[in-house]
Amino acid sequence: MGGGFRFDEESLREFVDMVRGLMEEEREFVIATVVSVKGSAAARVGSKGVILPDGTVRGWLGGWCSENALLTVALSALKEGRPKLVKLVMSGETLKQVSEDVIEVGTPCGGEVLVYLEPAYPKPHIPIFGNNEVTKALSRLAQLLGFKVTVIDPSAGPEDYPGAKVLASLEDGGVRLDRHTYPVLATMGRTDVDVEVLLRILDKPVARVFLVASVNRAEEVLRRLARKGVPPDLLEKIESPAGIDLGAATPEELALSVLAGIVAARRGGSGRPMREARGDPVAKVVKELRRRAEATPS
């Protein structure tokens, strides 16, 4: 590699172990890698570091000046969910972001450092409250799509939920509730349980909460929560009836509908048919063919 950097197998192994540890702890972070160095700079090509949401930097990216300059952009990448390529220009008198991808570091070195920032996240998580054929199907489908699944119900057994973590209650601990979490309440009529669970999780930083219920029962749950003092902005985190309208008639189809709603919420999808969201080539071609047929003399 250029820039005088010599491959250090031990350092790389330590870095990989650090990243693996953060992933096992289900933390989110940004991996920063120096990909180019011009002129005078303390960083070297191949230098790596990890930037945590609290601003902590682990590893070596060229010292405090470079690391401090990267913080804002790194946290932006983490929030937006997309990688960024940032140029650090070692000039100017103060730290200044010239553009989205260019930062003056405020040092007289005169060099330039190009850093690739890649956000990393824990596996998206679906805590499922309930134990029935819908929750069993949802657990299977969610794991196929790469979700971590935790089933919380006193009657649930691990034999019914292979690959999932099974807990009797939230008090058992180990239930991650963060912005990568999409709780599903599928208790099938146990309104008291739904209200109790929602009171416990709505003030947590979960992305969305999916309540499997009829319109009337969902209204009852919401009114009970309101009477207990839950504010409107927290009630708005609830999506009910949960899922995308597929005309679902079986437990598996209902689970698919709910999971489709979760994917749409996670990816920013509209839930509309693809031909409406992206365009309808069938309608276009058929219309052209019919127009030609009408224009052709019989």
C-alpha atoms as a PDB file:
ATOM      1  CA  MET A   1       0.000   0.000   0.000  1.00  0.00           C
ATOM      2  CA  GLY A   2       1.053   3.607  -0.571  1.00  0.00           C
ATOM      3  CA  GLY A   3       1.872   6.338   1.901  1.00  0.00           C
ATOM      4  CA  GLY A   4       4.601   4.314   3.612  1.00  0.00           C
ATOM      5  CA  PHE A   5       2.028   2.061   5.341  1.00  0.00           C
ATOM      6  CA  ARG A   6       3.211  -1.469   6.008  1.00  0.00           C
ATOM      7  CA  PHE A   7       0.683  -4.260   6.418  1.00  0.00           C
ATOM      8  CA  ASP A   8       0.390  -5.161  10.101  1.00  0.00           C
ATOM      9  CA  GLU A   9      -1.375  -8.479  10.573  1.00  0.00           C
ATOM     10  CA  GLU A  10      -1.590  -8.133  14.352  1.00  0.00           C
ATOM     11  CA  SER A  11      -3.179  -4.675  14.142  1.00  0.00           C
ATOM     12  CA  LEU A  12      -5.693  -5.913  11.591  1.00  0.00           C
ATOM     13  CA  ARG A  13      -6.578  -8.864  13.799  1.00  0.00           C
ATOM     14  CA  GLU A  14      -7.126  -6.519  16.761  1.00  0.00           C
ATOM     15  CA  PHE A  15      -9.335  -4.309  14.607  1.00  0.00           C
ATOM     16  CA  VAL A  16     -11.412  -7.266  13.407  1.00  0.00           C
ATOM     17  CA  ASP A  17     -11.806  -8.473  17.003  1.00  0.00           C
ATOM     18  CA  MET A  18     -12.952  -4.991  18.046  1.00  0.00           C
ATOM     19  CA  VAL A  19     -15.558  -4.855  15.266  1.00  0.00           C
ATOM     20  CA  ARG A  20     -16.722  -8.379  16.077  1.00  0.00           C
ATOM     21  CA  GLY A  21     -17.117  -7.386  19.720  1.00  0.00           C
ATOM     22  CA  LEU A  22     -19.240  -4.365  18.827  1.00  0.00           C
ATOM     23  CA  MET A  23     -21.426  -6.534  16.600  1.00  0.00           C
ATOM     24  CA  GLU A  24     -21.877  -9.108  19.353  1.00  0.00           C
ATOM     25  CA  GLU A  25     -22.905  -6.279  21.685  1.00  0.00           C
ATOM     26  CA  GLU A  26     -25.430  -5.214  19.017  1.00  0.00           C
ATOM     27  CA  ARG A  27     -23.991  -1.715  18.781  1.00  0.00           C
ATOM     28  CA  GLU A  28     -24.160   0.638  15.814  1.00  0.00           C
ATOM     29  CA  PHE A  29     -20.964   2.327  14.641  1.00  0.00           C
ATOM     30  CA  VAL A  30     -19.065   3.692  11.655  1.00  0.00           C
ATOM     31  CA  ILE A  31     -15.959   2.058  10.189  1.00  0.00           C
ATOM     32  CA  ALA A  32     -13.527   4.698   8.913  1.00  0.00           C
ATOM     33  CA  THR A  33     -10.762   3.701   6.493  1.00  0.00           C
ATOM     34  CA  VAL A  34      -8.074   5.995   5.078  1.00  0.00           C
ATOM     35  CA  VAL A  35      -7.994   5.270   1.337  1.00  0.00           C
ATOM     36  CA  SER A  36      -5.691   8.039   0.072  1.00  0.00           C
ATOM     37  CA  VAL A  37      -3.076  10.428   1.487  1.00  0.00           C
ATOM     38  CA  LYS A  38      -1.442  13.352  -0.327  1.00  0.00           C
ATOM     39  CA  GLY A  39       1.293  15.537   1.092  1.00  0.00           C
ATOM     40  CA  SER A  40       2.008  15.850   4.792  1.00  0.00           C
ATOM     41  CA  ALA A  41      -0.457  14.064   7.093  1.00  0.00           C
ATOM     42  CA  ALA A  42      -0.239  11.841  10.153  1.00  0.00           C
ATOM     43  CA  ALA A  43      -2.658   9.283   8.714  1.00  0.00           C
ATOM     44  CA  ARG A  44      -1.501   6.451   6.480  1.00  0.00           C
ATOM     45  CA  VAL A  45      -3.316   4.596   3.727  1.00  0.00           C
ATOM     46  CA  GLY A  46      -5.058   1.633   5.308  1.00  0.00           C
ATOM     47  CA  SER A  47      -5.389   3.238   8.741  1.00  0.00           C
ATOM     48  CA  LYS A  48      -8.687   2.168  10.280  1.00  0.00           C
ATOM     49  CA  GLY A  49     -10.870   3.301  13.121  1.00  0.00           C
ATOM     50  CA  VAL A  50     -14.338   2.924  14.543  1.00  0.00           C
ATOM     51  CA  ILE A  51     -16.522   5.903  15.427  1.00  0.00           C
ATOM     52  CA  LEU A  52     -19.310   5.325  17.962  1.00  0.00           C
ATOM     53  CA  PRO A  53     -22.553   7.345  18.253  1.00  0.00           C
ATOM     54  CA  ASP A  54     -21.266   9.086  21.396  1.00  0.00           C
ATOM     55  CA  GLY A  55     -18.265  10.436  19.462  1.00  0.00           C
ATOM     56  CA  THR A  56     -15.752   7.939  20.798  1.00  0.00           C
ATOM     57  CA  VAL A  57     -13.062   6.972  18.275  1.00  0.00           C
ATOM     58  CA  ARG A  58     -11.280   3.643  18.543  1.00  0.00           C
ATOM     59  CA  GLY A  59      -8.278   2.937  16.373  1.00  0.00           C
ATOM     60  CA  TRP A  60      -5.976   5.375  14.570  1.00  0.00           C
ATOM     61  CA  LEU A  61      -7.084   7.833  11.900  1.00  0.00           C
ATOM     62  CA  GLY A  62      -4.247  10.314  12.107  1.00  0.00           C
ATOM     63  CA  GLY A  63      -4.729  11.906  15.500  1.00  0.00           C
ATOM     64  CA  TRP A  64      -7.210  14.210  17.212  1.00  0.00           C
ATOM     65  CA  CYS A  65      -7.519  16.782  14.415  1.00  0.00           C
ATOM     66  CA  SER A  66      -8.542  14.258  11.764  1.00  0.00           C
ATOM     67  CA  GLU A  67     -10.774  12.299  14.110  1.00  0.00           C
ATOM     68  CA  ASN A  68     -12.572  15.394  15.383  1.00  0.00           C
ATOM     69  CA  ALA A  69     -13.132  16.572  11.810  1.00  0.00           C
ATOM     70  CA  LEU A  70     -14.760  13.272  10.863  1.00  0.00           C
ATOM     71  CA  LEU A  71     -17.240  13.088  13.737  1.00  0.00           C
ATOM     72  CA  THR A  72     -20.083  15.151  12.276  1.00  0.00           C
ATOM     73  CA  VAL A  73     -19.947  13.452   8.876  1.00  0.00           C
ATOM     74  CA  ALA A  74     -19.628   9.999  10.438  1.00  0.00           C
ATOM     75  CA  LEU A  75     -22.678  10.528  12.638  1.00  0.00           C
ATOM     76  CA  SER A  76     -24.551  11.834   9.602  1.00  0.00           C
ATOM     77  CA  ALA A  77     -23.677   8.648   7.710  1.00  0.00           C
ATOM     78  CA  LEU A  78     -24.927   6.609  10.662  1.00  0.00           C
ATOM     79  CA  LYS A  79     -28.223   8.499  10.746  1.00  0.00           C
ATOM     80  CA  GLU A  80     -28.780   8.386   6.967  1.00  0.00           C
ATOM     81  CA  GLY A  81     -27.733   4.778   6.569  1.00  0.00           C
ATOM     82  CA  ARG A  82     -25.373   5.332   3.657  1.00  0.00           C
ATOM     83  CA  PRO A  83     -21.562   5.379   3.299  1.00  0.00           C
ATOM     84  CA  LYS A  84     -19.659   8.583   2.622  1.00  0.00           C
ATOM     85  CA  LEU A  85     -16.297   9.457   1.074  1.00  0.00           C
ATOM     86  CA  VAL A  86     -14.807  12.485   2.837  1.00  0.00           C
ATOM     87  CA  LYS A  87     -11.768  14.584   1.955  1.00  0.00           C
ATOM     88  CA  LEU A  88      -9.870  16.154   4.866  1.00  0.00           C
ATOM     89  CA  VAL A  89      -7.859  19.176   3.720  1.00  0.00           C
ATOM     90  CA  MET A  90      -5.053  20.055   6.142  1.00  0.00           C
ATOM     91  CA  SER A  91      -5.347  23.830   5.775  1.00  0.00           C
ATOM     92  CA  GLY A  92      -7.202  26.813   7.176  1.00  0.00           C
ATOM     93  CA  GLU A  93      -7.188  28.266  10.658  1.00  0.00           C
ATOM     94  CA  THR A  94     -10.261  26.550  12.090  1.00  0.00           C
ATOM     95  CA  LEU A  95     -12.236  23.376  11.551  1.00  0.00           C
ATOM     96  CA  LYS A  96     -14.730  24.079   8.766  1.00  0.00           C
ATOM     97  CA  GLN A  97     -16.959  21.889   6.600  1.00  0.00           C
ATOM     98  CA  VAL A  98     -16.550  23.338   3.110  1.00  0.00           C
ATOM     99  CA  SER A  99     -19.108  20.994   1.523  1.00  0.00           C
ATOM    100  CA  GLU A 100     -20.813  17.698   2.259  1.00  0.00           C
ATOM    101  CA  ASP A 101     -17.653  15.750   1.453  1.00  0.00           C
ATOM    102  CA  VAL A 102     -14.824  18.270   2.027  1.00  0.00           C
ATOM    103  CA  ILE A 103     -13.607  19.451   5.443  1.00  0.00           C
ATOM    104  CA  GLU A 104     -10.847  21.934   6.265  1.00  0.00           C
ATOM    105  CA  VAL A 105      -9.166  20.569   9.361  1.00  0.00           C
ATOM    106  CA  GLY A 106      -7.542  23.806  10.512  1.00  0.00           C
ATOM    107  CA  THR A 107      -3.890  22.729  10.535  1.00  0.00           C
ATOM    108  CA  PRO A 108      -0.959  24.055   8.470  1.00  0.00           C
ATOM    109  CA  CYS A 109       0.207  20.617   7.276  1.00  0.00           C
ATOM    110  CA  GLY A 110      -0.991  21.152   3.720  1.00  0.00           C
ATOM    111  CA  GLY A 111      -1.868  17.526   3.064  1.00  0.00           C
ATOM    112  CA  GLU A 112      -5.085  15.818   2.020  1.00  0.00           C
ATOM    113  CA  VAL A 113      -6.615  12.650   3.443  1.00  0.00           C
ATOM    114  CA  LEU A 114      -9.474  10.734   1.815  1.00  0.00           C
ATOM    115  CA  VAL A 115     -11.536   8.679   4.274  1.00  0.00           C
ATOM    116  CA  TYR A 116     -14.270   6.151   3.528  1.00  0.00           C
ATOM    117  CA  LEU A 117     -17.005   6.053   6.175  1.00  0.00           C
ATOM    118  CA  GLU A 118     -19.210   2.971   6.293  1.00  0.00           C
ATOM    119  CA  PRO A 119     -22.056   2.715   8.829  1.00  0.00           C
ATOM    120  CA  ALA A 120     -22.656  -0.643  10.502  1.00  0.00           C
ATOM    121  CA  TYR A 121     -25.774  -1.661  12.374  1.00  0.00           C
ATOM    122  CA  PRO A 122     -26.998  -4.537  14.517  1.00  0.00           C
ATOM    123  CA  LYS A 123     -29.300  -7.053  12.870  1.00  0.00           C
ATOM    124  CA  PRO A 124     -32.846  -5.630  12.689  1.00  0.00           C
ATOM    125  CA  HIS A 125     -34.916  -7.026  15.531  1.00  0.00           C
ATOM    126  CA  ILE A 126     -38.542  -8.140  15.781  1.00  0.00           C
ATOM    127  CA  PRO A 127     -39.812  -8.842  19.308  1.00  0.00           C
ATOM    128  CA  ILE A 128     -43.051 -10.816  18.913  1.00  0.00           C
ATOM    129  CA  PHE A 129     -45.615 -10.704  21.716  1.00  0.00           C
ATOM    130  CA  GLY A 130     -48.044 -13.625  21.540  1.00  0.00           C
ATOM    131  CA  ASN A 131     -48.022 -17.353  20.887  1.00  0.00           C
ATOM    132  CA  ASN A 132     -50.193 -18.694  18.085  1.00  0.00           C
ATOM    133  CA  GLU A 133     -49.998 -19.832  14.474  1.00  0.00           C
ATOM    134  CA  VAL A 134     -49.478 -16.275  13.215  1.00  0.00           C
ATOM    135  CA  THR A 135     -46.528 -15.629  15.538  1.00  0.00           C
ATOM    136  CA  LYS A 136     -44.958 -18.970  14.609  1.00  0.00           C
ATOM    137  CA  ALA A 137     -45.209 -18.167  10.904  1.00  0.00           C
ATOM    138  CA  LEU A 138     -43.941 -14.628  11.484  1.00  0.00           C
ATOM    139  CA  SER A 139     -40.897 -15.949  13.354  1.00  0.00           C
ATOM    140  CA  ARG A 140     -40.003 -18.282  10.472  1.00  0.00           C
ATOM    141  CA  LEU A 141     -40.494 -15.679   7.735  1.00  0.00           C
ATOM    142  CA  ALA A 142     -38.694 -12.911   9.622  1.00  0.00           C
ATOM    143  CA  GLN A 143     -35.604 -15.053  10.109  1.00  0.00           C
ATOM    144  CA  LEU A 144     -35.564 -15.876   6.393  1.00  0.00           C
ATOM    145  CA  LEU A 145     -35.331 -12.130   5.750  1.00  0.00           C
ATOM    146  CA  GLY A 146     -32.428 -11.716   8.171  1.00  0.00           C
ATOM    147  CA  PHE A 147     -34.242 -10.386  11.232  1.00  0.00           C
ATOM    148  CA  LYS A 148     -33.328 -11.312  14.764  1.00  0.00           C
ATOM    149  CA  VAL A 149     -36.475 -12.630  16.459  1.00  0.00           C
ATOM    150  CA  THR A 150     -37.385 -12.652  20.141  1.00  0.00           C
ATOM    151  CA  VAL A 151     -40.699 -14.210  21.187  1.00  0.00           C
ATOM    152  CA  ILE A 152     -42.151 -12.986  24.478  1.00  0.00           C
ATOM    153  CA  ASP A 153     -45.031 -15.017  25.904  1.00  0.00           C
ATOM    154  CA  PRO A 154     -45.319 -17.210  29.023  1.00  0.00           C
ATOM    155  CA  SER A 155     -46.850 -20.063  26.999  1.00  0.00           C
ATOM    156  CA  ALA A 156     -44.220 -20.050  24.220  1.00  0.00           C
ATOM    157  CA  GLY A 157     -41.632 -22.804  24.016  1.00  0.00           C
ATOM    158  CA  PRO A 158     -38.333 -22.866  22.097  1.00  0.00           C
ATOM    159  CA  GLU A 159     -39.435 -25.976  20.202  1.00  0.00           C
ATOM    160  CA  ASP A 160     -42.098 -23.885  18.444  1.00  0.00           C
ATOM    161  CA  TYR A 161     -39.694 -21.098  17.502  1.00  0.00           C
ATOM    162  CA  PRO A 162     -36.440 -22.574  16.156  1.00  0.00           C
ATOM    163  CA  GLY A 163     -33.731 -19.949  15.740  1.00  0.00           C
ATOM    164  CA  ALA A 164     -35.549 -17.402  17.898  1.00  0.00           C
ATOM    165  CA  LYS A 165     -34.940 -16.341  21.474  1.00  0.00           C
ATOM    166  CA  VAL A 166     -37.943 -17.226  23.649  1.00  0.00           C
ATOM    167  CA  LEU A 167     -38.744 -15.388  26.883  1.00  0.00           C
ATOM    168  CA  ALA A 168     -41.657 -15.637  29.289  1.00  0.00           C
ATOM    169  CA  SER A 169     -41.828 -11.862  29.809  1.00  0.00           C
ATOM    170  CA  LEU A 170     -39.979  -8.579  29.311  1.00  0.00           C
ATOM    171  CA  GLU A 171     -38.743  -8.901  32.887  1.00  0.00           C
ATOM    172  CA  ASP A 172     -36.518 -11.768  31.768  1.00  0.00           C
ATOM    173  CA  GLY A 173     -34.300  -9.164  30.083  1.00  0.00           C
ATOM    174  CA  GLY A 174     -32.272  -9.326  26.922  1.00  0.00           C
ATOM    175  CA  VAL A 175     -34.901  -7.654  24.721  1.00  0.00           C
ATOM    176  CA  ARG A 176     -33.249  -5.018  22.558  1.00  0.00           C
ATOM    177  CA  LEU A 177     -35.497  -1.986  22.040  1.00  0.00           C
ATOM    178  CA  ASP A 178     -33.757   0.516  19.763  1.00  0.00           C
ATOM    179  CA  ARG A 179     -34.325   2.254  16.439  1.00  0.00           C
ATOM    180  CA  HIS A 180     -33.638  -1.002  14.601  1.00  0.00           C
ATOM    181  CA  THR A 181     -36.427  -2.766  16.502  1.00  0.00           C
ATOM    182  CA  TYR A 182     -39.943  -3.415  15.158  1.00  0.00           C
ATOM    183  CA  PRO A 183     -42.133  -4.921  17.901  1.00  0.00           C
ATOM    184  CA  VAL A 184     -45.190  -6.927  16.828  1.00  0.00           C
ATOM    185  CA  LEU A 185     -48.111  -7.481  19.184  1.00  0.00           C
ATOM    186  CA  ALA A 186     -50.120 -10.464  17.959  1.00  0.00           C
ATOM    187  CA  THR A 187     -51.857 -11.596  21.141  1.00  0.00           C
ATOM    188  CA  MET A 188     -55.113 -12.222  19.250  1.00  0.00           C
ATOM    189  CA  GLY A 189     -57.647 -10.508  21.483  1.00  0.00           C
ATOM    190  CA  ARG A 190     -55.720 -10.109  24.741  1.00  0.00           C
ATOM    191  CA  THR A 191     -56.312  -6.378  24.984  1.00  0.00           C
ATOM    192  CA  ASP A 192     -55.088  -6.081  28.573  1.00  0.00           C
ATOM    193  CA  VAL A 193     -51.777  -7.652  27.563  1.00  0.00           C
ATOM    194  CA  ASP A 194     -51.454  -5.340  24.554  1.00  0.00           C
ATOM    195  CA  VAL A 195     -52.005  -2.262  26.728  1.00  0.00           C
ATOM    196  CA  GLU A 196     -49.512  -3.463  29.336  1.00  0.00           C
ATOM    197  CA  VAL A 197     -46.823  -4.182  26.732  1.00  0.00           C
ATOM    198  CA  LEU A 198     -47.363  -0.893  24.887  1.00  0.00           C
ATOM    199  CA  LEU A 199     -47.030   1.050  28.135  1.00  0.00           C
ATOM    200  CA  ARG A 200     -43.636  -0.614  28.554  1.00  0.00           C
ATOM    201  CA  ILE A 201     -42.230  -0.074  25.066  1.00  0.00           C
ATOM    202  CA  LEU A 202     -43.748   3.044  23.494  1.00  0.00           C
ATOM    203  CA  ASP A 203     -41.323   5.407  25.223  1.00  0.00           C
ATOM    204  CA  LYS A 204     -38.351   3.361  23.993  1.00  0.00           C
ATOM    205  CA  PRO A 205     -36.589   4.436  20.758  1.00  0.00           C
ATOM    206  CA  VAL A 206     -38.179   1.671  18.661  1.00  0.00           C
ATOM    207  CA  ALA A 207     -38.827   2.393  14.992  1.00  0.00           C
ATOM    208  CA  ARG A 208     -42.500   1.380  14.753  1.00  0.00           C
ATOM    209  CA  VAL A 209     -44.860  -0.820  16.757  1.00  0.00           C
ATOM    210  CA  PHE A 210     -47.173  -3.187  14.872  1.00  0.00           C
ATOM    211  CA  LEU A 211     -50.438  -4.113  16.594  1.00  0.00           C
ATOM    212  CA  VAL A 212     -52.291  -7.025  14.987  1.00  0.00           C
ATOM    213  CA  ALA A 213     -55.920  -6.199  15.753  1.00  0.00           C
ATOM    214  CA  SER A 214     -59.226  -5.263  14.199  1.00  0.00           C
ATOM    215  CA  VAL A 215     -60.028  -1.578  13.788  1.00  0.00           C
ATOM    216  CA  ASN A 216     -62.442  -1.661  16.740  1.00  0.00           C
ATOM    217  CA  ARG A 217     -60.039  -3.452  19.076  1.00  0.00           C
ATOM    218  CA  ALA A 218     -57.157  -1.200  18.044  1.00  0.00           C
ATOM    219  CA  GLU A 219     -59.297   1.835  18.903  1.00  0.00           C
ATOM    220  CA  GLU A 220     -60.012   0.337  22.323  1.00  0.00           C
ATOM    221  CA  VAL A 221     -56.293  -0.211  22.946  1.00  0.00           C
ATOM    222  CA  LEU A 222     -55.468   3.353  21.882  1.00  0.00           C
ATOM    223  CA  ARG A 223     -58.197   4.878  24.069  1.00  0.00           C
ATOM    224  CA  ARG A 224     -57.009   2.922  27.093  1.00  0.00           C
ATOM    225  CA  LEU A 225     -53.461   4.125  26.499  1.00  0.00           C
ATOM    226  CA  ALA A 226     -54.673   7.717  26.165  1.00  0.00           C
ATOM    227  CA  ARG A 227     -56.568   7.434  29.463  1.00  0.00           C
ATOM    228  CA  LYS A 228     -53.344   6.281  31.083  1.00  0.00           C
ATOM    229  CA  GLY A 229     -51.587   9.434  29.890  1.00  0.00           C
ATOM    230  CA  VAL A 230     -49.773   8.235  26.768  1.00  0.00           C
ATOM    231  CA  PRO A 231     -49.316  11.343  24.555  1.00  0.00           C
ATOM    232  CA  PRO A 232     -50.366  11.475  20.872  1.00  0.00           C
ATOM    233  CA  ASP A 233     -46.781  11.533  19.570  1.00  0.00           C
ATOM    234  CA  LEU A 234     -46.163   8.116  21.149  1.00  0.00           C
ATOM    235  CA  LEU A 235     -49.504   6.727  19.993  1.00  0.00           C
ATOM    236  CA  GLU A 236     -48.468   7.640  16.444  1.00  0.00           C
ATOM    237  CA  LYS A 237     -45.662   5.067  16.651  1.00  0.00           C
ATOM    238  CA  ILE A 238     -48.326   2.346  16.547  1.00  0.00           C
ATOM    239  CA  GLU A 239     -49.389   0.877  13.214  1.00  0.00           C
ATOM    240  CA  SER A 240     -52.724  -0.907  13.403  1.00  0.00           C
ATOM    241  CA  PRO A 241     -54.268  -2.849  11.795  1.00  0.00           C
ATOM    242  CA  ALA A 242     -50.741  -4.071  11.137  1.00  0.00           C
ATOM    243  CA  GLY A 243     -49.497  -5.059   7.715  1.00  0.00           C
ATOM    244  CA  ILE A 244     -50.103  -4.518   4.016  1.00  0.00           C
ATOM    245  CA  ASP A 245     -53.507  -5.319   2.507  1.00  0.00           C
ATOM    246  CA  LEU A 246     -52.903  -8.661   0.761  1.00  0.00           C
ATOM    247  CA  GLY A 247     -56.356 -10.086   1.342  1.00  0.00           C
ATOM    248  CA  ALA A 248     -54.679 -12.465   3.812  1.00  0.00           C
ATOM    249  CA  ALA A 249     -56.822 -15.422   4.896  1.00  0.00           C
ATOM    250  CA  THR A 250     -54.385 -17.838   6.603  1.00  0.00           C
ATOM    251  CA  PRO A 251     -51.942 -17.404   9.509  1.00  0.00           C
ATOM    252  CA  GLU A 252     -49.024 -17.580   7.092  1.00  0.00           C
ATOM    253  CA  GLU A 253     -50.542 -14.956   4.804  1.00  0.00           C
ATOM    254  CA  LEU A 254     -51.278 -12.678   7.754  1.00  0.00           C
ATOM    255  CA  ALA A 255     -47.674 -13.082   8.932  1.00  0.00           C
ATOM    256  CA  LEU A 256     -46.477 -12.198   5.427  1.00  0.00           C
ATOM    257  CA  SER A 257     -48.695  -9.099   5.436  1.00  0.00           C
ATOM    258  CA  VAL A 258     -47.267  -7.925   8.774  1.00  0.00           C
ATOM    259  CA  LEU A 259     -43.701  -8.617   7.675  1.00  0.00           C
ATOM    260  CA  ALA A 260     -44.276  -6.718   4.423  1.00  0.00           C
ATOM    261  CA  GLY A 261     -45.368  -3.739   6.512  1.00  0.00           C
ATOM    262  CA  ILE A 262     -42.202  -3.981   8.586  1.00  0.00           C
ATOM    263  CA  VAL A 263     -39.996  -4.127   5.491  1.00  0.00           C
ATOM    264  CA  ALA A 264     -41.823  -1.110   4.033  1.00  0.00           C
ATOM    265  CA  ALA A 265     -41.306   0.839   7.265  1.00  0.00           C
ATOM    266  CA  ARG A 266     -37.640  -0.125   7.422  1.00  0.00           C
ATOM    267  CA  ARG A 267     -36.844   0.611   3.777  1.00  0.00           C
ATOM    268  CA  GLY A 268     -39.131   3.601   3.300  1.00  0.00           C
ATOM    269  CA  GLY A 269     -41.449   1.793   0.913  1.00  0.00           C
ATOM    270  CA  SER A 270     -44.981   2.937   0.138  1.00  0.00           C
ATOM    271  CA  GLY A 271     -46.663  -0.458   0.254  1.00  0.00           C
ATOM    272  CA  ARG A 272     -48.252   0.237  -3.128  1.00  0.00           C
ATOM    273  CA  PRO A 273     -48.085  -2.262  -6.028  1.00  0.00           C
ATOM    274  CA  MET A 274     -44.777  -1.974  -7.873  1.00  0.00           C
ATOM    275  CA  ARG A 275     -46.548  -1.103 -11.124  1.00  0.00           C
ATOM    276  CA  GLU A 276     -48.008   1.974  -9.393  1.00  0.00           C
ATOM    277  CA  ALA A 277     -44.788   2.961  -7.637  1.00  0.00           C
ATOM    278  CA  ARG A 278     -42.411   2.399 -10.592  1.00  0.00           C
ATOM    279  CA  GLY A 279     -44.608   2.480 -13.676  1.00  0.00           C
ATOM    280  CA  ASP A 280     -46.760  -0.051 -15.518  1.00  0.00           C
ATOM    281  CA  PRO A 281     -44.959  -1.391 -18.637  1.00  0.00           C
ATOM    282  CA  VAL A 282     -47.774  -3.861 -19.351  1.00  0.00           C
ATOM    283  CA  ALA A 283     -50.393  -1.113 -19.560  1.00  0.00           C
ATOM    284  CA  LYS A 284     -48.039   0.988 -21.703  1.00  0.00           C
ATOM    285  CA  VAL A 285     -47.297  -1.749 -24.238  1.00  0.00           C
ATOM    286  CA  VAL A 286     -50.912  -2.958 -24.402  1.00  0.00           C
ATOM    287  CA  LYS A 287     -52.097   0.607 -24.978  1.00  0.00           C
ATOM    288  CA  GLU A 288     -49.587   1.022 -27.830  1.00  0.00           C
ATOM    289  CA  LEU A 289     -50.647  -2.256 -29.443  1.00  0.00           C
ATOM    290  CA  ARG A 290     -54.317  -1.360 -29.278  1.00  0.00           C
ATOM    291  CA  ARG A 291     -53.633   2.071 -30.723  1.00  0.00           C
ATOM    292  CA  ARG A 292     -51.773   0.478 -33.648  1.00  0.00           C
ATOM    293  CA  ALA A 293     -54.581  -2.010 -34.174  1.00  0.00           C
ATOM    294  CA  GLU A 294     -57.141   0.794 -34.289  1.00  0.00           C
ATOM    295  CA  ALA A 295     -55.006   2.736 -36.782  1.00  0.00           C
ATOM    296  CA  THR A 296     -54.551  -0.245 -39.111  1.00  0.00           C
ATOM    297  CA  PRO A 297     -57.251  -0.539 -41.804  1.00  0.00           C
ATOM    298  CA  SER A 298     -59.171  -3.798 -41.613  1.00  0.00           C
END
